[in-house]
Amino acid sequence: MAADPLASAGWRAAWQACGAGCVDDALRDVLLACYEEPPRAYHTPQHLRECLDLLPRLARQAEHPAEVALALWFHDAIYTPERHDSEARSAAWARSAAWAAGVPDEVSQRLHALVMATRHAAEPVGRDACVLVDIDLAILGASRARFDEYERQVRIEYKRVDDEAFRAGRLRVLQQFLARPRLYATAPARELFEAQARANLRRSIAALGVSA
């Protein structure tokens, strides 16, 4: 039976591989509690577990897989749907936690940069960022059933946004992803997810009443 990626053993191993002088197990519990806060429906422990479950399949593509693991723990630690600084606040938290753990400064700064890469505002730079972003976007290439569940979960998170505004914003996001020459930066992720992701995106765009 595979180990739970949210268990303390993986958490401790990642910190130790990053050079931590001490590991704060209580911080893991705090982070998990954050992922359970309302109005989250997608950015929950389910998403975190799916990300950490996928990491071993892409770990060979990373330069510092333990740093990618920690960045995954923090990448949605702070999440407010209507705000645009969630990643920046999560990145700052990751860096300060790394400093507190005695992690070397260059590692702390890389953790900050990795979490910031999950804004998806630009192409990821560096092997670790490519792996991290591919994992975060793997949901786009999930099975049809899981992707449809994801779409419903996102709508719940934006339940305070009226239907017309949500439709316009969601359509813009989906079309931006579909317009990319490639959705995934690493070859294994492209093989695993690219074709299904494009099919899912086209189907979702069509459901919003627009031809893809």
Protein backbone atom coordinates (compact mmCIF):
# COMPACT_ATOMS: atom_id res chain seq x y z
CA MET A 1 0.00 0.00 0.00
CA ALA A 2 1.43 3.37 -1.04
CA ALA A 3 2.26 5.84 1.71
CA ASP A 4 -0.03 8.83 2.14
CA PRO A 5 1.81 11.80 0.58
CA LEU A 6 0.29 14.06 3.24
CA ALA A 7 1.76 11.99 6.07
CA SER A 8 4.46 13.44 8.29
CA ALA A 9 7.16 11.10 6.93
CA GLY A 10 7.17 12.74 3.49
CA TRP A 11 6.96 16.20 5.01
CA ARG A 12 9.97 15.57 7.22
CA ALA A 13 11.97 13.93 4.44
CA ALA A 14 11.48 16.94 2.15
CA TRP A 15 12.63 19.40 4.79
CA GLN A 16 15.63 17.30 5.71
CA ALA A 17 16.65 16.96 2.06
CA CYS A 18 16.51 20.77 1.82
CA GLY A 19 18.97 21.12 4.71
CA ALA A 20 16.59 22.05 7.50
CA GLY A 21 18.15 22.16 10.93
CA CYS A 22 14.77 21.45 12.50
CA VAL A 23 11.43 20.27 11.14
CA ASP A 24 8.24 21.86 12.39
CA ASP A 25 5.62 19.10 12.34
CA ALA A 26 3.02 21.51 13.70
CA LEU A 27 3.40 23.64 10.57
CA ARG A 28 2.27 20.67 8.48
CA ASP A 29 -0.95 20.56 10.51
CA VAL A 30 -1.41 24.31 10.07
CA LEU A 31 -1.02 24.00 6.31
CA LEU A 32 -3.50 21.14 6.09
CA ALA A 33 -5.97 23.20 8.09
CA CYS A 34 -5.50 26.05 5.59
CA TYR A 35 -6.34 23.71 2.70
CA GLU A 36 -9.60 22.85 4.45
CA GLU A 37 -10.77 26.45 4.94
CA PRO A 38 -13.97 27.64 3.24
CA PRO A 39 -14.76 28.60 0.53
CA ARG A 40 -12.29 26.08 -0.84
CA ALA A 41 -13.74 23.27 -2.90
CA TYR A 42 -10.89 22.55 -5.33
CA HIS A 43 -7.83 23.99 -3.56
CA THR A 44 -8.20 21.45 -0.77
CA PRO A 45 -6.21 18.52 0.62
CA GLN A 46 -7.55 16.55 -2.36
CA HIS A 47 -5.63 18.82 -4.75
CA LEU A 48 -2.53 18.78 -2.56
CA ARG A 49 -2.61 14.99 -2.36
CA GLU A 50 -3.05 14.67 -6.13
CA CYS A 51 -0.04 16.94 -6.67
CA LEU A 52 2.22 15.12 -4.24
CA ASP A 53 1.07 11.76 -5.63
CA LEU A 54 2.18 12.83 -9.10
CA LEU A 55 5.60 14.17 -8.08
CA PRO A 56 7.40 10.78 -8.05
CA ARG A 57 6.42 10.27 -11.71
CA LEU A 58 8.10 13.55 -12.70
CA ALA A 59 10.83 13.72 -10.05
CA ARG A 60 13.59 12.73 -12.47
CA GLN A 61 12.87 15.87 -14.46
CA ALA A 62 13.57 18.06 -11.40
CA GLU A 63 16.90 19.35 -10.20
CA HIS A 64 15.77 19.62 -6.56
CA PRO A 65 12.73 17.34 -6.11
CA ALA A 66 12.54 17.99 -2.36
CA GLU A 67 12.20 21.71 -3.02
CA VAL A 68 9.41 20.98 -5.49
CA ALA A 69 7.69 18.92 -2.80
CA LEU A 70 7.85 21.76 -0.28
CA ALA A 71 6.70 24.26 -2.90
CA LEU A 72 3.68 22.04 -3.53
CA TRP A 73 2.83 22.07 0.16
CA PHE A 74 2.86 25.86 0.18
CA HIS A 75 1.64 26.77 -3.31
CA ASP A 76 -2.03 27.16 -2.31
CA ALA A 77 -1.49 27.61 1.42
CA ILE A 78 -3.15 31.02 1.20
CA TYR A 79 -6.03 31.17 -1.23
CA THR A 80 -8.69 33.83 -1.61
CA PRO A 81 -10.58 33.55 -4.93
CA GLU A 82 -11.29 37.27 -5.31
CA ARG A 83 -7.71 38.38 -4.59
CA HIS A 84 -4.69 38.26 -6.89
CA ASP A 85 -1.95 38.04 -4.29
CA SER A 86 -2.55 34.55 -2.92
CA GLU A 87 0.57 33.12 -4.54
CA ALA A 88 2.71 36.02 -3.35
CA ARG A 89 1.50 35.59 0.21
CA SER A 90 1.98 31.82 0.04
CA ALA A 91 5.48 32.29 -1.39
CA ALA A 92 6.40 34.67 1.41
CA TRP A 93 5.16 32.14 3.94
CA ALA A 94 7.24 29.37 2.35
CA ARG A 95 10.37 31.49 2.45
CA SER A 96 9.87 32.57 6.06
CA ALA A 97 9.19 28.96 7.11
CA ALA A 98 12.38 27.88 5.37
CA TRP A 99 14.35 30.57 7.16
CA ALA A 100 12.87 29.46 10.48
CA ALA A 101 13.84 25.85 9.73
CA GLY A 102 17.45 26.86 9.12
CA VAL A 103 17.35 26.08 5.41
CA PRO A 104 20.16 27.74 3.41
CA ASP A 105 19.16 31.13 2.06
CA GLU A 106 19.56 30.11 -1.59
CA VAL A 107 17.12 27.25 -1.03
CA SER A 108 14.67 29.56 0.75
CA GLN A 109 14.78 31.96 -2.19
CA ARG A 110 14.25 29.13 -4.67
CA LEU A 111 11.19 27.99 -2.72
CA HIS A 112 9.79 31.49 -2.94
CA ALA A 113 10.38 31.59 -6.70
CA LEU A 114 8.80 28.17 -7.20
CA VAL A 115 5.58 29.11 -5.45
CA MET A 116 5.44 32.32 -7.47
CA ALA A 117 5.66 30.24 -10.66
CA THR A 118 2.21 28.82 -9.90
CA ARG A 119 0.67 32.16 -10.84
CA HIS A 120 0.90 30.78 -14.39
CA ALA A 121 1.56 34.30 -15.63
CA ALA A 122 4.52 33.23 -17.78
CA GLU A 123 6.36 30.16 -19.03
CA PRO A 124 8.14 28.44 -16.11
CA VAL A 125 11.91 28.90 -16.04
CA GLY A 126 14.16 26.14 -14.77
CA ARG A 127 13.66 22.41 -14.41
CA ASP A 128 12.08 22.59 -10.96
CA ALA A 129 9.57 25.25 -11.95
CA CYS A 130 8.65 23.24 -15.06
CA VAL A 131 7.93 20.17 -12.95
CA LEU A 132 6.00 22.15 -10.35
CA VAL A 133 3.81 23.95 -12.88
CA ASP A 134 3.17 20.75 -14.85
CA ILE A 135 1.99 19.07 -11.65
CA ASP A 136 -0.24 22.00 -10.74
CA LEU A 137 -1.82 21.93 -14.21
CA ALA A 138 -2.19 18.16 -14.35
CA ILE A 139 -5.86 18.58 -13.40
CA LEU A 140 -6.49 19.95 -16.90
CA GLY A 141 -5.48 16.55 -18.28
CA ALA A 142 -7.39 14.50 -15.73
CA SER A 143 -10.05 12.01 -16.69
CA ARG A 144 -13.29 13.46 -17.97
CA ALA A 145 -15.04 12.70 -14.68
CA ARG A 146 -12.33 14.27 -12.53
CA PHE A 147 -12.07 17.32 -14.79
CA ASP A 148 -15.84 17.87 -14.60
CA GLU A 149 -15.65 17.58 -10.81
CA TYR A 150 -12.84 20.17 -10.85
CA GLU A 151 -14.99 22.55 -12.89
CA ARG A 152 -17.81 22.22 -10.39
CA GLN A 153 -15.38 22.77 -7.52
CA VAL A 154 -14.03 25.96 -9.08
CA ARG A 155 -17.56 27.31 -9.49
CA ILE A 156 -18.23 26.68 -5.79
CA GLU A 157 -15.11 28.63 -4.86
CA TYR A 158 -16.42 31.58 -6.89
CA LYS A 159 -20.02 31.26 -5.71
CA ARG A 160 -20.10 34.94 -4.75
CA VAL A 161 -19.47 35.87 -8.41
CA ASP A 162 -22.60 36.11 -10.55
CA ASP A 163 -23.02 33.70 -13.45
CA GLU A 164 -22.30 36.19 -16.24
CA ALA A 165 -19.09 37.48 -14.68
CA PHE A 166 -17.92 33.97 -13.82
CA ARG A 167 -18.63 32.72 -17.34
CA ALA A 168 -16.62 35.57 -18.88
CA GLY A 169 -13.68 35.10 -16.54
CA ARG A 170 -13.64 31.33 -16.82
CA LEU A 171 -13.88 31.47 -20.58
CA ARG A 172 -10.89 33.82 -20.71
CA VAL A 173 -8.78 31.50 -18.55
CA LEU A 174 -9.68 28.36 -20.50
CA GLN A 175 -9.06 29.99 -23.87
CA GLN A 176 -5.68 31.29 -22.73
CA PHE A 177 -4.63 27.79 -21.76
CA LEU A 178 -5.91 26.27 -25.00
CA ALA A 179 -4.06 28.89 -27.07
CA ARG A 180 -0.69 27.85 -25.68
CA PRO A 181 1.53 25.94 -28.15
CA ARG A 182 1.97 23.38 -25.40
CA LEU A 183 0.39 23.10 -21.99
CA TYR A 184 3.16 21.11 -20.31
CA ALA A 185 6.86 21.85 -20.17
CA THR A 186 8.21 18.37 -19.48
CA ALA A 187 8.03 15.49 -21.94
CA PRO A 188 6.53 13.01 -19.43
CA ALA A 189 3.73 15.42 -18.50
CA ARG A 190 2.98 16.09 -22.17
CA GLU A 191 2.74 12.37 -22.80
CA LEU A 192 0.50 11.87 -19.79
CA PHE A 193 -1.79 14.88 -20.04
CA GLU A 194 -1.52 17.06 -23.16
CA ALA A 195 -4.07 15.37 -25.42
CA GLN A 196 -6.64 14.87 -22.66
CA ALA A 197 -6.15 18.43 -21.41
CA ARG A 198 -6.90 19.90 -24.83
CA ALA A 199 -9.98 17.72 -25.17
CA ASN A 200 -11.18 18.78 -21.71
CA LEU A 201 -10.57 22.46 -22.43
CA ARG A 202 -12.43 22.34 -25.75
CA ARG A 203 -15.35 20.58 -24.12
CA SER A 204 -15.50 23.07 -21.26
CA ILE A 205 -15.32 26.05 -23.62
CA ALA A 206 -18.12 24.56 -25.70
CA ALA A 207 -20.20 24.11 -22.54
CA LEU A 208 -19.86 27.85 -22.00
CA GLY A 209 -21.46 28.39 -25.40
CA VAL A 210 -18.36 29.17 -27.45
CA SER A 211 -16.84 27.14 -30.26
CA ALA A 212 -13.24 26.11 -29.54
